Amino acid sequence: MFKPFEHGNESSAIYDLTLENQVDCVSLYGNLQITKDQSGLKTAKALQSFINDVVTALEKENLPAQIERQSEQEIENPFL
């Protein structure tokens, strides 16, 4: 797994949940099933560990109330 908010443009996954790192944002998208068994517990702990790392990284900073981020630009599909 990557260190949140460092180096940017890194990604990792917990099954079908993608964790994407940028220097000013961490994005989570996809699907994650946490089942009520040992496998689900392992999955939940992996997600918890990652979120704890994000919180720790944020707590170390002197954060502004809100940052300005450029909106994602859509591009035309060249295959259509």
N, C-alpha and C. Protein backbone atom coordinates (compact mmCIF):
# COMPACT_ATOMS: atom_id res chain seq x y z
N MET A 1 0.84 -1.18 0.00
CA MET A 1 0.00 0.00 0.00
C MET A 1 0.88 1.24 0.00
N PHE A 2 0.35 2.32 -0.49
CA PHE A 2 1.09 3.58 -0.57
C PHE A 2 0.87 4.43 0.67
N LYS A 3 1.73 5.44 0.83
CA LYS A 3 1.55 6.40 1.92
C LYS A 3 0.63 7.51 1.40
N PRO A 4 -0.49 7.77 2.08
CA PRO A 4 -1.45 8.77 1.60
C PRO A 4 -0.81 10.15 1.42
N PHE A 5 -1.17 10.80 0.34
CA PHE A 5 -0.79 12.17 0.01
C PHE A 5 0.70 12.33 -0.30
N GLU A 6 1.40 11.24 -0.53
CA GLU A 6 2.81 11.31 -0.90
C GLU A 6 3.00 10.75 -2.30
N HIS A 7 3.82 11.39 -3.07
CA HIS A 7 4.25 10.96 -4.40
C HIS A 7 3.16 10.98 -5.46
N GLY A 8 1.92 10.97 -5.13
CA GLY A 8 0.82 11.05 -6.10
C GLY A 8 0.84 9.96 -7.16
N ASN A 9 -0.27 9.84 -7.86
CA ASN A 9 -0.44 8.92 -8.98
C ASN A 9 -0.09 7.46 -8.67
N GLU A 10 -0.38 7.04 -7.47
CA GLU A 10 -0.21 5.64 -7.10
C GLU A 10 -1.59 5.06 -6.83
N SER A 11 -1.71 3.78 -7.02
CA SER A 11 -2.98 3.16 -6.68
C SER A 11 -2.73 1.76 -6.13
N SER A 12 -3.70 1.31 -5.40
CA SER A 12 -3.67 -0.02 -4.81
C SER A 12 -5.11 -0.51 -4.80
N ALA A 13 -5.30 -1.75 -4.45
CA ALA A 13 -6.67 -2.29 -4.44
C ALA A 13 -6.86 -3.25 -3.29
N ILE A 14 -8.07 -3.25 -2.78
CA ILE A 14 -8.54 -4.28 -1.87
C ILE A 14 -9.69 -4.94 -2.62
N TYR A 15 -9.41 -6.06 -3.22
CA TYR A 15 -10.34 -6.74 -4.13
C TYR A 15 -10.78 -5.76 -5.21
N ASP A 16 -12.07 -5.43 -5.33
CA ASP A 16 -12.54 -4.55 -6.39
C ASP A 16 -12.64 -3.08 -5.95
N LEU A 17 -12.12 -2.75 -4.77
CA LEU A 17 -12.11 -1.37 -4.30
C LEU A 17 -10.75 -0.78 -4.64
N THR A 18 -10.73 0.27 -5.44
CA THR A 18 -9.49 0.92 -5.84
C THR A 18 -9.22 2.09 -4.91
N LEU A 19 -7.98 2.18 -4.44
CA LEU A 19 -7.51 3.26 -3.59
C LEU A 19 -6.50 4.03 -4.43
N GLU A 20 -6.79 5.27 -4.71
CA GLU A 20 -5.94 6.05 -5.61
C GLU A 20 -5.37 7.24 -4.87
N ASN A 21 -4.09 7.46 -5.01
CA ASN A 21 -3.36 8.48 -4.27
C ASN A 21 -2.96 9.63 -5.17
N GLN A 22 -3.18 10.84 -4.69
CA GLN A 22 -2.66 12.06 -5.29
C GLN A 22 -2.10 12.89 -4.15
N VAL A 23 -1.35 13.93 -4.44
CA VAL A 23 -0.75 14.71 -3.36
C VAL A 23 -1.77 15.53 -2.59
N ASP A 24 -2.94 15.78 -3.17
CA ASP A 24 -3.95 16.59 -2.48
C ASP A 24 -5.27 15.86 -2.28
N CYS A 25 -5.31 14.57 -2.59
CA CYS A 25 -6.57 13.84 -2.52
C CYS A 25 -6.31 12.34 -2.53
N VAL A 26 -7.12 11.61 -1.81
CA VAL A 26 -7.13 10.15 -1.88
C VAL A 26 -8.54 9.76 -2.32
N SER A 27 -8.64 8.97 -3.37
CA SER A 27 -9.94 8.56 -3.88
C SER A 27 -10.13 7.07 -3.66
N LEU A 28 -11.35 6.70 -3.28
CA LEU A 28 -11.73 5.30 -3.14
C LEU A 28 -12.94 5.08 -4.04
N TYR A 29 -12.85 4.07 -4.88
CA TYR A 29 -13.99 3.78 -5.74
C TYR A 29 -14.01 2.30 -6.10
N GLY A 30 -15.18 1.83 -6.40
CA GLY A 30 -15.34 0.43 -6.77
C GLY A 30 -16.32 -0.27 -5.86
N ASN A 31 -16.07 -1.54 -5.62
CA ASN A 31 -16.98 -2.38 -4.87
C ASN A 31 -16.17 -3.22 -3.90
N LEU A 32 -16.64 -3.33 -2.68
CA LEU A 32 -15.97 -4.16 -1.69
C LEU A 32 -17.02 -4.89 -0.87
N GLN A 33 -16.96 -6.19 -0.87
CA GLN A 33 -17.85 -7.01 -0.07
C GLN A 33 -17.10 -7.44 1.19
N ILE A 34 -17.65 -7.10 2.35
CA ILE A 34 -17.07 -7.55 3.61
C ILE A 34 -18.02 -8.59 4.19
N THR A 35 -17.60 -9.83 4.08
CA THR A 35 -18.45 -10.94 4.50
C THR A 35 -18.27 -11.21 5.99
N LYS A 36 -19.26 -11.87 6.56
CA LYS A 36 -19.25 -12.16 7.99
C LYS A 36 -18.52 -13.49 8.24
N ASP A 37 -17.19 -13.45 7.99
CA ASP A 37 -16.34 -14.61 8.19
C ASP A 37 -14.91 -14.13 8.36
N GLN A 38 -13.96 -15.07 8.47
CA GLN A 38 -12.55 -14.70 8.68
C GLN A 38 -12.00 -13.89 7.51
N SER A 39 -12.42 -14.22 6.30
CA SER A 39 -11.99 -13.47 5.12
C SER A 39 -12.51 -12.04 5.17
N GLY A 40 -13.75 -11.88 5.59
CA GLY A 40 -14.33 -10.54 5.72
C GLY A 40 -13.62 -9.72 6.78
N LEU A 41 -13.25 -10.37 7.88
CA LEU A 41 -12.51 -9.68 8.93
C LEU A 41 -11.17 -9.20 8.41
N LYS A 42 -10.48 -10.04 7.65
CA LYS A 42 -9.20 -9.65 7.06
C LYS A 42 -9.37 -8.47 6.11
N THR A 43 -10.41 -8.51 5.31
CA THR A 43 -10.70 -7.42 4.37
C THR A 43 -11.01 -6.13 5.13
N ALA A 44 -11.84 -6.22 6.15
CA ALA A 44 -12.20 -5.04 6.94
C ALA A 44 -10.98 -4.43 7.63
N LYS A 45 -10.09 -5.27 8.13
CA LYS A 45 -8.88 -4.77 8.78
C LYS A 45 -7.94 -4.09 7.79
N ALA A 46 -7.88 -4.59 6.56
CA ALA A 46 -7.06 -3.95 5.54
C ALA A 46 -7.60 -2.56 5.22
N LEU A 47 -8.92 -2.44 5.09
CA LEU A 47 -9.55 -1.14 4.84
C LEU A 47 -9.35 -0.21 6.03
N GLN A 48 -9.54 -0.73 7.24
CA GLN A 48 -9.36 0.06 8.45
C GLN A 48 -7.93 0.58 8.55
N SER A 49 -6.96 -0.25 8.25
CA SER A 49 -5.56 0.15 8.31
C SER A 49 -5.29 1.29 7.33
N PHE A 50 -5.83 1.18 6.13
CA PHE A 50 -5.63 2.23 5.14
C PHE A 50 -6.28 3.54 5.60
N ILE A 51 -7.51 3.49 6.07
CA ILE A 51 -8.20 4.69 6.54
C ILE A 51 -7.47 5.30 7.74
N ASN A 52 -6.96 4.46 8.63
CA ASN A 52 -6.17 4.97 9.76
C ASN A 52 -4.93 5.71 9.27
N ASP A 53 -4.28 5.19 8.21
CA ASP A 53 -3.11 5.88 7.63
C ASP A 53 -3.50 7.23 7.05
N VAL A 54 -4.66 7.31 6.41
CA VAL A 54 -5.14 8.58 5.86
C VAL A 54 -5.39 9.58 6.99
N VAL A 55 -6.07 9.15 8.04
CA VAL A 55 -6.36 10.03 9.17
C VAL A 55 -5.07 10.51 9.83
N THR A 56 -4.12 9.62 10.03
CA THR A 56 -2.84 9.99 10.63
C THR A 56 -2.12 11.02 9.79
N ALA A 57 -2.10 10.82 8.47
CA ALA A 57 -1.44 11.78 7.57
C ALA A 57 -2.12 13.15 7.64
N LEU A 58 -3.44 13.17 7.70
CA LEU A 58 -4.17 14.43 7.78
C LEU A 58 -3.94 15.13 9.12
N GLU A 59 -3.88 14.37 10.19
CA GLU A 59 -3.69 14.96 11.51
C GLU A 59 -2.31 15.59 11.68
N LYS A 60 -1.34 15.16 10.90
CA LYS A 60 0.03 15.70 10.98
C LYS A 60 0.15 17.07 10.31
N GLU A 61 -0.82 17.45 9.52
CA GLU A 61 -0.76 18.68 8.73
C GLU A 61 -1.54 19.81 9.39
N ASN A 62 -1.15 21.03 9.06
CA ASN A 62 -1.93 22.22 9.41
C ASN A 62 -2.86 22.45 8.22
N LEU A 63 -4.07 21.95 8.31
CA LEU A 63 -4.97 21.90 7.15
C LEU A 63 -5.80 23.17 6.99
N PRO A 64 -5.98 23.62 5.73
CA PRO A 64 -6.92 24.71 5.48
C PRO A 64 -8.35 24.20 5.63
N ALA A 65 -9.30 25.11 5.68
CA ALA A 65 -10.70 24.71 5.79
C ALA A 65 -11.13 23.90 4.56
N GLN A 66 -10.65 24.30 3.39
CA GLN A 66 -10.99 23.59 2.16
C GLN A 66 -9.96 23.95 1.10
N ILE A 67 -9.64 23.01 0.23
CA ILE A 67 -8.70 23.30 -0.86
C ILE A 67 -9.48 23.45 -2.16
N GLU A 68 -8.88 24.13 -3.10
CA GLU A 68 -9.44 24.25 -4.45
C GLU A 68 -8.85 23.15 -5.30
N ARG A 69 -9.69 22.37 -5.91
CA ARG A 69 -9.23 21.30 -6.81
C ARG A 69 -9.82 21.53 -8.18
N GLN A 70 -9.01 21.28 -9.19
CA GLN A 70 -9.52 21.37 -10.55
C GLN A 70 -10.45 20.20 -10.80
N SER A 71 -11.56 20.46 -11.46
CA SER A 71 -12.49 19.38 -11.74
C SER A 71 -11.90 18.48 -12.83
N GLU A 72 -12.27 17.23 -12.75
CA GLU A 72 -11.81 16.27 -13.75
C GLU A 72 -12.42 16.65 -15.09
N GLN A 73 -11.61 16.63 -16.13
CA GLN A 73 -12.10 16.95 -17.46
C GLN A 73 -12.41 15.66 -18.19
N GLU A 74 -13.58 15.63 -18.79
CA GLU A 74 -13.94 14.47 -19.58
C GLU A 74 -13.32 14.58 -20.95
N ILE A 75 -12.86 13.46 -21.47
CA ILE A 75 -12.31 13.45 -22.81
C ILE A 75 -13.19 12.57 -23.67
N GLU A 76 -13.20 12.85 -24.95
CA GLU A 76 -14.00 12.05 -25.87
C GLU A 76 -13.38 10.68 -26.02
N ASN A 77 -14.23 9.67 -26.13
CA ASN A 77 -13.77 8.31 -26.33
C ASN A 77 -13.28 8.18 -27.77
N PRO A 78 -11.98 7.89 -27.97
CA PRO A 78 -11.46 7.80 -29.34
C PRO A 78 -11.91 6.54 -30.06
N PHE A 79 -12.54 5.61 -29.35
CA PHE A 79 -12.97 4.36 -29.95
C PHE A 79 -14.41 4.39 -30.45
N LEU A 80 -15.08 5.50 -30.26
CA LEU A 80 -16.47 5.59 -30.74
C LEU A 80 -16.53 6.21 -32.11
